[in-house]
Amino acid sequence: MTAADETQAAVERFHRAVNGHDVDALVAAMTADCHFESTLPPDGDIYDGAAAVGAFFRKLFDTSLEREFEMEELVVAEDRAVMRWRHSWVDRSGSAGHVRGVDVFLVRDGKVAEKLSYVKG
């Protein structure tokens, strides 16, 4: 398996866990020291460590009735990947919405080590 294949597999595994709202699988797909920057303006909130990133996603999943990240494109180069996505949700009040954005990933040892998220605003 090439580095690019390993990176693609790691990002796809992480993506499946997110869409399955499976926090345990999401944490297992990350390095223990994973670094995540959310899309919150102006610079994104920063979460360091798999437990902190897992807590962020648990809270995100709890705020909606439905939530999905559709992968529009995935570009992989060695240990880096860029994913274009469309995030759709229905919140607890029944309001629906969506945004489009990009994640920049770094993969180390077959796991997501960094996820930097950007959104069209």
N, C-alpha and C. Protein backbone atom coordinates (compact mmCIF):
# COMPACT_ATOMS: atom_id res chain seq x y z
N MET A 1 0.85 -1.17 0.00
CA MET A 1 0.00 0.00 0.00
C MET A 1 0.90 1.24 0.00
N THR A 2 0.62 2.18 -0.88
CA THR A 2 1.40 3.42 -0.95
C THR A 2 0.96 4.38 0.16
N ALA A 3 1.76 5.41 0.38
CA ALA A 3 1.40 6.44 1.36
C ALA A 3 0.08 7.10 0.99
N ALA A 4 -0.12 7.37 -0.29
CA ALA A 4 -1.37 7.99 -0.73
C ALA A 4 -2.56 7.07 -0.48
N ASP A 5 -2.39 5.76 -0.72
CA ASP A 5 -3.47 4.80 -0.45
C ASP A 5 -3.81 4.78 1.04
N GLU A 6 -2.78 4.78 1.88
CA GLU A 6 -2.98 4.78 3.33
C GLU A 6 -3.70 6.05 3.78
N THR A 7 -3.32 7.18 3.20
CA THR A 7 -3.96 8.46 3.53
C THR A 7 -5.42 8.44 3.12
N GLN A 8 -5.70 7.98 1.90
CA GLN A 8 -7.08 7.93 1.44
C GLN A 8 -7.93 7.02 2.33
N ALA A 9 -7.40 5.87 2.68
CA ALA A 9 -8.14 4.93 3.54
C ALA A 9 -8.42 5.56 4.90
N ALA A 10 -7.44 6.26 5.48
CA ALA A 10 -7.62 6.88 6.79
C ALA A 10 -8.68 7.97 6.75
N VAL A 11 -8.64 8.81 5.72
CA VAL A 11 -9.63 9.89 5.59
C VAL A 11 -11.03 9.31 5.36
N GLU A 12 -11.13 8.31 4.52
CA GLU A 12 -12.44 7.69 4.26
C GLU A 12 -12.99 7.01 5.52
N ARG A 13 -12.13 6.37 6.31
CA ARG A 13 -12.55 5.75 7.57
C ARG A 13 -13.08 6.82 8.54
N PHE A 14 -12.36 7.92 8.65
CA PHE A 14 -12.79 9.04 9.50
C PHE A 14 -14.12 9.60 9.02
N HIS A 15 -14.25 9.79 7.71
CA HIS A 15 -15.47 10.34 7.11
C HIS A 15 -16.68 9.43 7.39
N ARG A 16 -16.50 8.13 7.25
CA ARG A 16 -17.60 7.18 7.55
C ARG A 16 -18.02 7.27 9.01
N ALA A 17 -17.05 7.41 9.91
CA ALA A 17 -17.37 7.53 11.34
C ALA A 17 -18.16 8.81 11.62
N VAL A 18 -17.77 9.90 10.98
CA VAL A 18 -18.50 11.16 11.15
C VAL A 18 -19.94 11.00 10.66
N ASN A 19 -20.12 10.47 9.48
CA ASN A 19 -21.48 10.33 8.95
C ASN A 19 -22.29 9.28 9.69
N GLY A 20 -21.62 8.34 10.35
CA GLY A 20 -22.32 7.36 11.17
C GLY A 20 -22.58 7.86 12.58
N HIS A 21 -22.12 9.09 12.86
CA HIS A 21 -22.24 9.69 14.19
C HIS A 21 -21.66 8.75 15.25
N ASP A 22 -20.58 8.07 14.88
CA ASP A 22 -19.93 7.07 15.73
C ASP A 22 -18.67 7.68 16.33
N VAL A 23 -18.82 8.29 17.50
CA VAL A 23 -17.71 9.00 18.13
C VAL A 23 -16.57 8.04 18.47
N ASP A 24 -16.88 6.83 18.91
CA ASP A 24 -15.82 5.87 19.23
C ASP A 24 -14.98 5.54 17.99
N ALA A 25 -15.64 5.30 16.85
CA ALA A 25 -14.92 5.01 15.61
C ALA A 25 -14.15 6.23 15.13
N LEU A 26 -14.71 7.40 15.32
CA LEU A 26 -14.06 8.65 14.93
C LEU A 26 -12.76 8.82 15.73
N VAL A 27 -12.84 8.62 17.05
CA VAL A 27 -11.65 8.75 17.90
C VAL A 27 -10.62 7.68 17.52
N ALA A 28 -11.06 6.47 17.22
CA ALA A 28 -10.15 5.40 16.82
C ALA A 28 -9.46 5.70 15.49
N ALA A 29 -10.05 6.54 14.66
CA ALA A 29 -9.49 6.88 13.36
C ALA A 29 -8.47 8.02 13.44
N MET A 30 -8.27 8.58 14.65
CA MET A 30 -7.36 9.70 14.84
C MET A 30 -6.16 9.29 15.69
N THR A 31 -5.06 10.01 15.53
CA THR A 31 -3.94 9.83 16.44
C THR A 31 -4.32 10.41 17.80
N ALA A 32 -3.69 9.93 18.86
CA ALA A 32 -3.99 10.41 20.21
C ALA A 32 -3.75 11.91 20.34
N ASP A 33 -2.79 12.44 19.56
CA ASP A 33 -2.46 13.87 19.63
C ASP A 33 -3.05 14.67 18.46
N CYS A 34 -4.13 14.18 17.88
CA CYS A 34 -4.76 14.83 16.72
C CYS A 34 -5.03 16.31 17.00
N HIS A 35 -4.84 17.13 15.97
CA HIS A 35 -5.11 18.57 16.04
C HIS A 35 -6.26 18.88 15.08
N PHE A 36 -7.28 19.58 15.58
CA PHE A 36 -8.46 19.92 14.78
C PHE A 36 -8.77 21.40 14.94
N GLU A 37 -9.00 22.08 13.82
CA GLU A 37 -9.46 23.47 13.83
C GLU A 37 -10.82 23.51 13.15
N SER A 38 -11.83 23.96 13.90
CA SER A 38 -13.20 24.01 13.38
C SER A 38 -13.38 25.20 12.43
N THR A 39 -14.58 25.33 11.90
CA THR A 39 -14.87 26.39 10.94
C THR A 39 -15.35 27.67 11.60
N LEU A 40 -15.47 27.72 12.91
CA LEU A 40 -15.99 28.89 13.60
C LEU A 40 -15.16 30.13 13.28
N PRO A 41 -15.79 31.21 12.77
CA PRO A 41 -15.05 32.43 12.45
C PRO A 41 -14.49 33.10 13.71
N PRO A 42 -13.41 33.86 13.64
CA PRO A 42 -12.66 34.13 12.43
C PRO A 42 -11.56 33.11 12.16
N ASP A 43 -11.08 32.39 13.20
CA ASP A 43 -9.93 31.51 13.01
C ASP A 43 -10.21 30.05 13.33
N GLY A 44 -11.43 29.73 13.73
CA GLY A 44 -11.76 28.37 14.11
C GLY A 44 -11.37 28.09 15.55
N ASP A 45 -12.18 27.30 16.22
CA ASP A 45 -11.81 26.83 17.55
C ASP A 45 -10.79 25.71 17.38
N ILE A 46 -9.88 25.57 18.34
CA ILE A 46 -8.82 24.57 18.26
C ILE A 46 -9.07 23.49 19.31
N TYR A 47 -8.95 22.24 18.86
CA TYR A 47 -9.10 21.08 19.73
C TYR A 47 -7.87 20.19 19.54
N ASP A 48 -7.18 19.91 20.62
CA ASP A 48 -5.99 19.06 20.56
C ASP A 48 -6.24 17.78 21.35
N GLY A 49 -5.95 16.66 20.72
CA GLY A 49 -6.13 15.35 21.33
C GLY A 49 -7.42 14.71 20.88
N ALA A 50 -7.36 13.40 20.71
CA ALA A 50 -8.53 12.66 20.21
C ALA A 50 -9.74 12.82 21.11
N ALA A 51 -9.54 12.86 22.42
CA ALA A 51 -10.67 13.01 23.35
C ALA A 51 -11.37 14.36 23.15
N ALA A 52 -10.60 15.43 22.97
CA ALA A 52 -11.19 16.76 22.76
C ALA A 52 -11.92 16.83 21.42
N VAL A 53 -11.34 16.24 20.39
CA VAL A 53 -12.00 16.24 19.08
C VAL A 53 -13.27 15.40 19.16
N GLY A 54 -13.21 14.26 19.82
CA GLY A 54 -14.40 13.42 19.99
C GLY A 54 -15.50 14.16 20.72
N ALA A 55 -15.15 14.93 21.77
CA ALA A 55 -16.15 15.70 22.52
C ALA A 55 -16.79 16.76 21.63
N PHE A 56 -15.99 17.40 20.76
CA PHE A 56 -16.55 18.38 19.82
C PHE A 56 -17.61 17.72 18.94
N PHE A 57 -17.27 16.58 18.35
CA PHE A 57 -18.21 15.91 17.44
C PHE A 57 -19.42 15.37 18.19
N ARG A 58 -19.26 14.89 19.41
CA ARG A 58 -20.40 14.42 20.20
C ARG A 58 -21.39 15.57 20.39
N LYS A 59 -20.88 16.76 20.74
CA LYS A 59 -21.74 17.93 20.92
C LYS A 59 -22.41 18.31 19.59
N LEU A 60 -21.65 18.27 18.50
CA LEU A 60 -22.20 18.59 17.18
C LEU A 60 -23.34 17.64 16.83
N PHE A 61 -23.14 16.35 17.05
CA PHE A 61 -24.16 15.36 16.73
C PHE A 61 -25.41 15.54 17.59
N ASP A 62 -25.23 15.97 18.83
CA ASP A 62 -26.36 16.15 19.75
C ASP A 62 -27.22 17.36 19.41
N THR A 63 -26.73 18.26 18.56
CA THR A 63 -27.49 19.49 18.24
C THR A 63 -28.43 19.33 17.06
N SER A 64 -28.49 18.13 16.47
CA SER A 64 -29.30 18.00 15.26
C SER A 64 -30.09 16.71 15.25
N LEU A 65 -31.18 16.74 14.47
CA LEU A 65 -31.96 15.54 14.21
C LEU A 65 -31.32 14.73 13.09
N GLU A 66 -30.76 15.45 12.11
CA GLU A 66 -30.08 14.84 10.97
C GLU A 66 -28.81 15.65 10.70
N ARG A 67 -27.76 14.98 10.26
CA ARG A 67 -26.51 15.67 9.92
C ARG A 67 -25.72 14.76 8.99
N GLU A 68 -25.25 15.33 7.87
CA GLU A 68 -24.45 14.54 6.92
C GLU A 68 -23.42 15.44 6.26
N PHE A 69 -22.23 14.86 6.05
CA PHE A 69 -21.17 15.51 5.29
C PHE A 69 -21.01 14.71 4.00
N GLU A 70 -21.45 15.30 2.90
CA GLU A 70 -21.31 14.64 1.59
C GLU A 70 -19.93 14.98 1.02
N MET A 71 -19.15 13.97 0.70
CA MET A 71 -17.84 14.18 0.10
C MET A 71 -18.04 14.51 -1.37
N GLU A 72 -17.64 15.72 -1.76
CA GLU A 72 -17.76 16.13 -3.16
C GLU A 72 -16.52 15.76 -3.96
N GLU A 73 -15.36 15.83 -3.31
CA GLU A 73 -14.10 15.49 -3.98
C GLU A 73 -13.05 15.21 -2.92
N LEU A 74 -12.16 14.28 -3.20
CA LEU A 74 -11.04 13.98 -2.32
C LEU A 74 -9.79 13.93 -3.17
N VAL A 75 -8.82 14.77 -2.83
CA VAL A 75 -7.53 14.82 -3.52
C VAL A 75 -6.46 14.42 -2.51
N VAL A 76 -5.65 13.43 -2.88
CA VAL A 76 -4.66 12.87 -1.96
C VAL A 76 -3.27 13.01 -2.56
N ALA A 77 -2.31 13.43 -1.73
CA ALA A 77 -0.90 13.51 -2.13
C ALA A 77 -0.06 13.07 -0.93
N GLU A 78 0.47 11.85 -1.01
CA GLU A 78 1.31 11.28 0.05
C GLU A 78 0.54 11.25 1.38
N ASP A 79 0.98 12.04 2.38
CA ASP A 79 0.33 12.02 3.69
C ASP A 79 -0.68 13.15 3.89
N ARG A 80 -1.01 13.84 2.82
CA ARG A 80 -1.96 14.96 2.86
C ARG A 80 -3.18 14.64 2.01
N ALA A 81 -4.32 15.21 2.42
CA ALA A 81 -5.54 15.08 1.63
C ALA A 81 -6.36 16.35 1.78
N VAL A 82 -7.08 16.69 0.72
CA VAL A 82 -8.02 17.81 0.73
C VAL A 82 -9.37 17.27 0.31
N MET A 83 -10.37 17.52 1.14
CA MET A 83 -11.72 17.05 0.85
C MET A 83 -12.65 18.26 0.72
N ARG A 84 -13.34 18.34 -0.43
CA ARG A 84 -14.45 19.30 -0.58
C ARG A 84 -15.70 18.58 -0.10
N TRP A 85 -16.54 19.28 0.68
CA TRP A 85 -17.72 18.64 1.23
C TRP A 85 -18.91 19.59 1.27
N ARG A 86 -20.09 19.00 1.42
CA ARG A 86 -21.35 19.73 1.63
C ARG A 86 -21.94 19.18 2.92
N HIS A 87 -22.11 20.05 3.90
CA HIS A 87 -22.63 19.67 5.22
C HIS A 87 -24.09 20.09 5.29
N SER A 88 -24.98 19.10 5.44
CA SER A 88 -26.42 19.34 5.54
C SER A 88 -26.91 18.90 6.91
N TRP A 89 -27.92 19.60 7.43
CA TRP A 89 -28.45 19.25 8.74
C TRP A 89 -29.90 19.67 8.87
N VAL A 90 -30.56 19.06 9.85
CA VAL A 90 -31.85 19.50 10.34
C VAL A 90 -31.66 19.62 11.85
N ASP A 91 -31.84 20.86 12.37
CA ASP A 91 -31.59 21.05 13.80
C ASP A 91 -32.80 20.61 14.63
N ARG A 92 -32.68 20.68 15.92
CA ARG A 92 -33.71 20.18 16.83
C ARG A 92 -35.04 20.93 16.69
N SER A 93 -35.00 22.15 16.13
CA SER A 93 -36.25 22.90 15.91
C SER A 93 -36.91 22.54 14.58
N GLY A 94 -36.23 21.70 13.78
CA GLY A 94 -36.75 21.30 12.48
C GLY A 94 -36.26 22.15 11.32
N SER A 95 -35.42 23.15 11.61
CA SER A 95 -34.87 24.00 10.54
C SER A 95 -33.73 23.27 9.83
N ALA A 96 -33.77 23.33 8.50
CA ALA A 96 -32.75 22.67 7.68
C ALA A 96 -31.78 23.71 7.14
N GLY A 97 -30.55 23.26 6.87
CA GLY A 97 -29.58 24.16 6.28
C GLY A 97 -28.41 23.37 5.71
N HIS A 98 -27.52 24.09 5.07
CA HIS A 98 -26.30 23.45 4.57
C HIS A 98 -25.22 24.52 4.36
N VAL A 99 -23.98 24.08 4.37
CA VAL A 99 -22.82 24.88 4.00
C VAL A 99 -21.88 23.99 3.20
N ARG A 100 -21.00 24.63 2.46
CA ARG A 100 -19.98 23.88 1.73
C ARG A 100 -18.63 24.30 2.26
N GLY A 101 -17.68 23.38 2.22
CA GLY A 101 -16.37 23.70 2.75
C GLY A 101 -15.29 22.73 2.31
N VAL A 102 -14.15 22.87 2.96
CA VAL A 102 -12.96 22.09 2.64
C VAL A 102 -12.29 21.68 3.95
N ASP A 103 -11.79 20.45 3.99
CA ASP A 103 -10.94 19.99 5.08
C ASP A 103 -9.57 19.67 4.51
N VAL A 104 -8.54 20.07 5.24
CA VAL A 104 -7.16 19.74 4.89
C VAL A 104 -6.68 18.77 5.97
N PHE A 105 -6.31 17.56 5.55
CA PHE A 105 -5.91 16.50 6.47
C PHE A 105 -4.42 16.21 6.38
N LEU A 106 -3.86 15.80 7.52
CA LEU A 106 -2.53 15.20 7.59
C LEU A 106 -2.74 13.83 8.23
N VAL A 107 -2.18 12.79 7.60
CA VAL A 107 -2.32 11.42 8.11
C VAL A 107 -0.94 10.93 8.55
N ARG A 108 -0.90 10.28 9.71
CA ARG A 108 0.33 9.71 10.25
C ARG A 108 0.02 8.31 10.78
N ASP A 109 0.79 7.35 10.37
CA ASP A 109 0.62 5.96 10.84
C ASP A 109 -0.80 5.45 10.60
N GLY A 110 -1.39 5.82 9.47
CA GLY A 110 -2.71 5.31 9.09
C GLY A 110 -3.88 5.96 9.81
N LYS A 111 -3.62 7.07 10.52
CA LYS A 111 -4.68 7.76 11.25
C LYS A 111 -4.63 9.26 10.97
N VAL A 112 -5.77 9.92 11.14
CA VAL A 112 -5.84 11.37 10.96
C VAL A 112 -5.09 12.03 12.11
N ALA A 113 -4.07 12.82 11.78
CA ALA A 113 -3.28 13.53 12.77
C ALA A 113 -3.64 15.02 12.82
N GLU A 114 -4.23 15.52 11.74
CA GLU A 114 -4.59 16.93 11.68
C GLU A 114 -5.77 17.09 10.73
N LYS A 115 -6.73 17.94 11.13
CA LYS A 115 -7.90 18.25 10.30
C LYS A 115 -8.17 19.75 10.45
N LEU A 116 -7.90 20.48 9.40
CA LEU A 116 -8.13 21.91 9.37
C LEU A 116 -9.35 22.16 8.49
N SER A 117 -10.40 22.76 9.05
CA SER A 117 -11.68 22.91 8.35
C SER A 117 -11.94 24.36 7.98
N TYR A 118 -12.44 24.55 6.75
CA TYR A 118 -12.75 25.88 6.22
C TYR A 118 -14.12 25.81 5.57
N VAL A 119 -14.90 26.89 5.68
CA VAL A 119 -16.25 26.88 5.14
C VAL A 119 -16.50 28.15 4.31
N LYS A 120 -17.34 28.00 3.27
CA LYS A 120 -17.76 29.18 2.50
C LYS A 120 -18.71 29.96 3.38
N GLY A 121 -18.47 31.25 3.49
CA GLY A 121 -19.29 32.04 4.41
C GLY A 121 -20.03 33.08 3.79
